[in-house]
Amino acid sequence: MRERVLRPLALAGKHAKMRMVAGRIVAVLEWAEAENLREPAGSGRAIVETVTRSLPKAAAVRHHRGLHFSDVATALKKVDAQPRIAQSCNSPSGSAC
């Protein structure tokens, strides 16, 4: 069951969501064991970790270089000069920005 839930999230690249769901699964399994609704078959965390080890790893995040505060005005002028961006932001509805 856990693999059927976590694998599609990992394959879709939604690793943060997968970790949230895995944490919820662990919480439910541990609660069920505490309430004697499930036979102890090892900790829920160990079971989820076993499944997640077989899933694809998240790609490394590449961040852009930071912009010095004195260069922000120039950068914004360059962004505003781009036709597509300026048109969508200056639309009458204003909903695109």
N, C-alpha and C. Protein backbone atom coordinates (compact mmCIF):
# COMPACT_ATOMS: atom_id res chain seq x y z
N MET A 1 0.82 -1.19 0.00
CA MET A 1 0.00 0.00 0.00
C MET A 1 0.87 1.26 0.00
N ARG A 2 1.87 1.31 0.89
CA ARG A 2 2.72 2.49 0.98
C ARG A 2 3.44 2.74 -0.34
N GLU A 3 3.90 1.68 -0.98
CA GLU A 3 4.62 1.85 -2.24
C GLU A 3 3.68 2.36 -3.33
N ARG A 4 2.44 1.94 -3.31
CA ARG A 4 1.47 2.41 -4.31
C ARG A 4 1.15 3.88 -4.13
N VAL A 5 1.33 4.37 -2.93
CA VAL A 5 1.05 5.78 -2.66
C VAL A 5 2.30 6.63 -2.91
N LEU A 6 3.45 6.19 -2.43
CA LEU A 6 4.66 7.01 -2.47
C LEU A 6 5.35 7.00 -3.83
N ARG A 7 5.35 5.87 -4.51
CA ARG A 7 6.06 5.78 -5.79
C ARG A 7 5.54 6.77 -6.83
N PRO A 8 4.22 6.88 -7.06
CA PRO A 8 3.77 7.86 -8.06
C PRO A 8 4.16 9.30 -7.72
N LEU A 9 4.17 9.63 -6.43
CA LEU A 9 4.59 10.98 -6.04
C LEU A 9 6.06 11.20 -6.35
N ALA A 10 6.89 10.20 -6.08
CA ALA A 10 8.32 10.32 -6.34
C ALA A 10 8.59 10.39 -7.84
N LEU A 11 7.90 9.59 -8.61
CA LEU A 11 8.11 9.59 -10.06
C LEU A 11 7.63 10.89 -10.69
N ALA A 12 6.66 11.53 -10.08
CA ALA A 12 6.16 12.81 -10.59
C ALA A 12 7.06 13.97 -10.13
N GLY A 13 8.07 13.68 -9.32
CA GLY A 13 8.98 14.72 -8.86
C GLY A 13 8.45 15.50 -7.67
N LYS A 14 7.42 15.01 -7.02
CA LYS A 14 6.82 15.71 -5.88
C LYS A 14 7.40 15.14 -4.58
N HIS A 15 8.69 15.36 -4.39
CA HIS A 15 9.39 14.74 -3.26
C HIS A 15 8.97 15.34 -1.93
N ALA A 16 8.69 16.62 -1.89
CA ALA A 16 8.24 17.23 -0.63
C ALA A 16 6.89 16.65 -0.22
N LYS A 17 5.99 16.53 -1.17
CA LYS A 17 4.66 15.95 -0.89
C LYS A 17 4.82 14.50 -0.46
N MET A 18 5.75 13.77 -1.11
CA MET A 18 5.98 12.37 -0.76
C MET A 18 6.44 12.26 0.70
N ARG A 19 7.33 13.17 1.13
CA ARG A 19 7.80 13.13 2.52
C ARG A 19 6.67 13.42 3.48
N MET A 20 5.79 14.36 3.12
CA MET A 20 4.64 14.67 3.99
C MET A 20 3.72 13.47 4.11
N VAL A 21 3.43 12.82 2.99
CA VAL A 21 2.55 11.66 3.00
C VAL A 21 3.20 10.51 3.77
N ALA A 22 4.50 10.32 3.57
CA ALA A 22 5.20 9.25 4.29
C ALA A 22 5.14 9.49 5.79
N GLY A 23 5.30 10.75 6.21
CA GLY A 23 5.19 11.07 7.64
C GLY A 23 3.81 10.78 8.18
N ARG A 24 2.80 11.06 7.38
CA ARG A 24 1.42 10.78 7.81
C ARG A 24 1.19 9.27 7.92
N ILE A 25 1.73 8.51 6.98
CA ILE A 25 1.60 7.04 7.03
C ILE A 25 2.25 6.51 8.30
N VAL A 26 3.43 7.02 8.60
CA VAL A 26 4.14 6.59 9.82
C VAL A 26 3.29 6.89 11.05
N ALA A 27 2.73 8.09 11.11
CA ALA A 27 1.91 8.48 12.26
C ALA A 27 0.70 7.56 12.41
N VAL A 28 0.06 7.23 11.31
CA VAL A 28 -1.12 6.36 11.36
C VAL A 28 -0.72 4.96 11.80
N LEU A 29 0.37 4.43 11.25
CA LEU A 29 0.81 3.08 11.63
C LEU A 29 1.18 3.00 13.11
N GLU A 30 1.89 4.02 13.59
CA GLU A 30 2.28 4.02 15.00
C GLU A 30 1.07 4.18 15.91
N TRP A 31 0.10 5.00 15.51
CA TRP A 31 -1.12 5.15 16.29
C TRP A 31 -1.88 3.83 16.33
N ALA A 32 -1.98 3.15 15.19
CA ALA A 32 -2.71 1.88 15.13
C ALA A 32 -2.05 0.83 16.02
N GLU A 33 -0.72 0.83 16.07
CA GLU A 33 -0.03 -0.11 16.96
C GLU A 33 -0.29 0.24 18.42
N ALA A 34 -0.28 1.52 18.74
CA ALA A 34 -0.51 1.95 20.13
C ALA A 34 -1.93 1.60 20.58
N GLU A 35 -2.88 1.63 19.68
CA GLU A 35 -4.28 1.30 19.99
C GLU A 35 -4.58 -0.19 19.81
N ASN A 36 -3.56 -0.99 19.56
CA ASN A 36 -3.69 -2.43 19.33
C ASN A 36 -4.63 -2.76 18.17
N LEU A 37 -4.63 -1.91 17.16
CA LEU A 37 -5.42 -2.15 15.96
C LEU A 37 -4.57 -2.79 14.87
N ARG A 38 -3.28 -2.87 15.13
CA ARG A 38 -2.34 -3.44 14.16
C ARG A 38 -1.28 -4.20 14.95
N GLU A 39 -0.92 -5.36 14.46
CA GLU A 39 0.13 -6.13 15.14
C GLU A 39 1.47 -5.45 14.89
N PRO A 40 2.29 -5.35 15.93
CA PRO A 40 3.61 -4.72 15.74
C PRO A 40 4.45 -5.52 14.76
N ALA A 41 4.72 -4.94 13.63
CA ALA A 41 5.54 -5.60 12.60
C ALA A 41 6.79 -4.78 12.36
N GLY A 42 7.28 -4.15 13.40
CA GLY A 42 8.38 -3.21 13.24
C GLY A 42 7.80 -1.81 13.28
N SER A 43 8.66 -0.85 13.39
CA SER A 43 8.14 0.52 13.48
C SER A 43 7.63 0.97 12.12
N GLY A 44 6.64 1.81 12.15
CA GLY A 44 6.10 2.35 10.90
C GLY A 44 7.15 3.12 10.13
N ARG A 45 8.02 3.82 10.87
CA ARG A 45 9.08 4.60 10.22
C ARG A 45 10.03 3.69 9.45
N ALA A 46 10.39 2.54 10.02
CA ALA A 46 11.30 1.62 9.34
C ALA A 46 10.66 1.06 8.07
N ILE A 47 9.37 0.80 8.14
CA ILE A 47 8.67 0.28 6.96
C ILE A 47 8.66 1.32 5.85
N VAL A 48 8.34 2.57 6.18
CA VAL A 48 8.30 3.63 5.17
C VAL A 48 9.69 3.90 4.63
N GLU A 49 10.72 3.88 5.49
CA GLU A 49 12.09 4.10 5.01
C GLU A 49 12.52 3.01 4.05
N THR A 50 12.10 1.78 4.28
CA THR A 50 12.42 0.70 3.37
C THR A 50 11.84 0.97 1.99
N VAL A 51 10.61 1.45 1.96
CA VAL A 51 9.97 1.76 0.68
C VAL A 51 10.64 2.95 0.02
N THR A 52 10.91 4.01 0.76
CA THR A 52 11.45 5.22 0.16
C THR A 52 12.88 5.03 -0.34
N ARG A 53 13.63 4.10 0.23
CA ARG A 53 14.98 3.84 -0.27
C ARG A 53 14.96 3.33 -1.70
N SER A 54 13.90 2.65 -2.09
CA SER A 54 13.84 2.10 -3.44
C SER A 54 13.30 3.10 -4.46
N LEU A 55 12.86 4.26 -4.00
CA LEU A 55 12.29 5.26 -4.90
C LEU A 55 13.39 6.15 -5.49
N PRO A 56 13.12 6.78 -6.62
CA PRO A 56 14.12 7.66 -7.22
C PRO A 56 14.43 8.85 -6.33
N LYS A 57 15.68 9.27 -6.35
CA LYS A 57 16.13 10.39 -5.54
C LYS A 57 15.73 11.70 -6.20
N ALA A 58 15.57 12.72 -5.38
CA ALA A 58 15.25 14.05 -5.90
C ALA A 58 16.48 14.62 -6.59
N ALA A 59 16.26 15.32 -7.68
CA ALA A 59 17.36 15.97 -8.38
C ALA A 59 17.91 17.10 -7.51
N ALA A 60 19.19 17.33 -7.64
CA ALA A 60 19.82 18.41 -6.87
C ALA A 60 19.24 19.74 -7.32
N VAL A 61 18.97 20.59 -6.36
CA VAL A 61 18.40 21.90 -6.66
C VAL A 61 19.54 22.85 -7.00
N ARG A 62 19.39 23.55 -8.11
CA ARG A 62 20.38 24.55 -8.50
C ARG A 62 19.76 25.93 -8.32
N HIS A 63 20.35 26.71 -7.46
CA HIS A 63 19.84 28.05 -7.18
C HIS A 63 20.56 29.07 -8.06
N HIS A 64 19.88 30.17 -8.31
CA HIS A 64 20.51 31.26 -9.03
C HIS A 64 21.41 32.03 -8.07
N ARG A 65 22.39 32.68 -8.64
CA ARG A 65 23.29 33.51 -7.86
C ARG A 65 22.49 34.67 -7.28
N GLY A 66 22.81 35.06 -6.07
CA GLY A 66 22.12 36.17 -5.43
C GLY A 66 22.40 37.49 -6.15
N LEU A 67 21.50 38.43 -6.03
CA LEU A 67 21.63 39.74 -6.65
C LEU A 67 21.90 40.78 -5.57
N HIS A 68 22.94 41.56 -5.77
CA HIS A 68 23.27 42.60 -4.81
C HIS A 68 22.16 43.65 -4.82
N PHE A 69 21.83 44.20 -3.66
CA PHE A 69 20.70 45.12 -3.56
C PHE A 69 20.85 46.34 -4.47
N SER A 70 22.07 46.75 -4.75
CA SER A 70 22.26 47.92 -5.60
C SER A 70 21.96 47.63 -7.07
N ASP A 71 21.88 46.35 -7.43
CA ASP A 71 21.60 45.96 -8.82
C ASP A 71 20.13 45.62 -9.06
N VAL A 72 19.30 45.69 -8.03
CA VAL A 72 17.90 45.28 -8.16
C VAL A 72 17.14 46.18 -9.13
N ALA A 73 17.34 47.49 -9.05
CA ALA A 73 16.61 48.42 -9.93
C ALA A 73 16.93 48.15 -11.40
N THR A 74 18.20 47.92 -11.70
CA THR A 74 18.59 47.62 -13.07
C THR A 74 17.98 46.31 -13.54
N ALA A 75 17.98 45.32 -12.69
CA ALA A 75 17.41 44.02 -13.05
C ALA A 75 15.91 44.13 -13.30
N LEU A 76 15.21 44.90 -12.48
CA LEU A 76 13.78 45.07 -12.68
C LEU A 76 13.46 45.80 -13.97
N LYS A 77 14.30 46.77 -14.34
CA LYS A 77 14.11 47.46 -15.61
C LYS A 77 14.28 46.50 -16.78
N LYS A 78 15.24 45.58 -16.67
CA LYS A 78 15.46 44.59 -17.73
C LYS A 78 14.26 43.65 -17.83
N VAL A 79 13.71 43.27 -16.69
CA VAL A 79 12.54 42.39 -16.69
C VAL A 79 11.35 43.11 -17.30
N ASP A 80 11.15 44.37 -16.93
CA ASP A 80 10.03 45.15 -17.48
C ASP A 80 10.18 45.37 -18.98
N ALA A 81 11.41 45.38 -19.47
CA ALA A 81 11.64 45.60 -20.90
C ALA A 81 11.30 44.37 -21.73
N GLN A 82 11.18 43.21 -21.11
CA GLN A 82 10.83 41.99 -21.84
C GLN A 82 9.36 42.07 -22.25
N PRO A 83 9.05 41.91 -23.56
CA PRO A 83 7.68 42.11 -24.03
C PRO A 83 6.64 41.22 -23.36
N ARG A 84 6.90 39.94 -23.26
CA ARG A 84 5.88 39.04 -22.72
C ARG A 84 5.59 39.33 -21.25
N ILE A 85 6.61 39.53 -20.50
CA ILE A 85 6.43 39.76 -19.07
C ILE A 85 5.73 41.09 -18.85
N ALA A 86 6.16 42.13 -19.55
CA ALA A 86 5.56 43.45 -19.37
C ALA A 86 4.10 43.43 -19.80
N GLN A 87 3.77 42.75 -20.88
CA GLN A 87 2.38 42.71 -21.36
C GLN A 87 1.48 41.99 -20.37
N SER A 88 1.93 40.86 -19.84
CA SER A 88 1.07 40.11 -18.93
C SER A 88 0.89 40.84 -17.61
N CYS A 89 1.91 41.55 -17.14
CA CYS A 89 1.81 42.27 -15.87
C CYS A 89 1.01 43.56 -16.00
N ASN A 90 1.02 44.14 -17.19
CA ASN A 90 0.32 45.40 -17.38
C ASN A 90 -1.05 45.20 -18.01
N SER A 91 -1.56 43.97 -17.94
CA SER A 91 -2.88 43.71 -18.50
C SER A 91 -3.94 44.43 -17.67
N PRO A 92 -5.07 44.78 -18.30
CA PRO A 92 -6.11 45.51 -17.56
C PRO A 92 -6.62 44.76 -16.33
N SER A 93 -6.68 43.44 -16.43
CA SER A 93 -7.21 42.69 -15.28
C SER A 93 -6.18 42.63 -14.14
N GLY A 94 -4.89 42.65 -14.50
CA GLY A 94 -3.85 42.61 -13.49
C GLY A 94 -3.74 41.27 -12.78
N SER A 95 -4.48 40.28 -13.27
CA SER A 95 -4.51 38.99 -12.59
C SER A 95 -3.29 38.13 -12.88
N ALA A 96 -2.50 38.47 -13.90
CA ALA A 96 -1.37 37.64 -14.27
C ALA A 96 -0.18 37.87 -13.37
N CYS A 97 -0.13 38.93 -12.60
CA CYS A 97 1.04 39.23 -11.78
C CYS A 97 0.89 38.72 -10.39
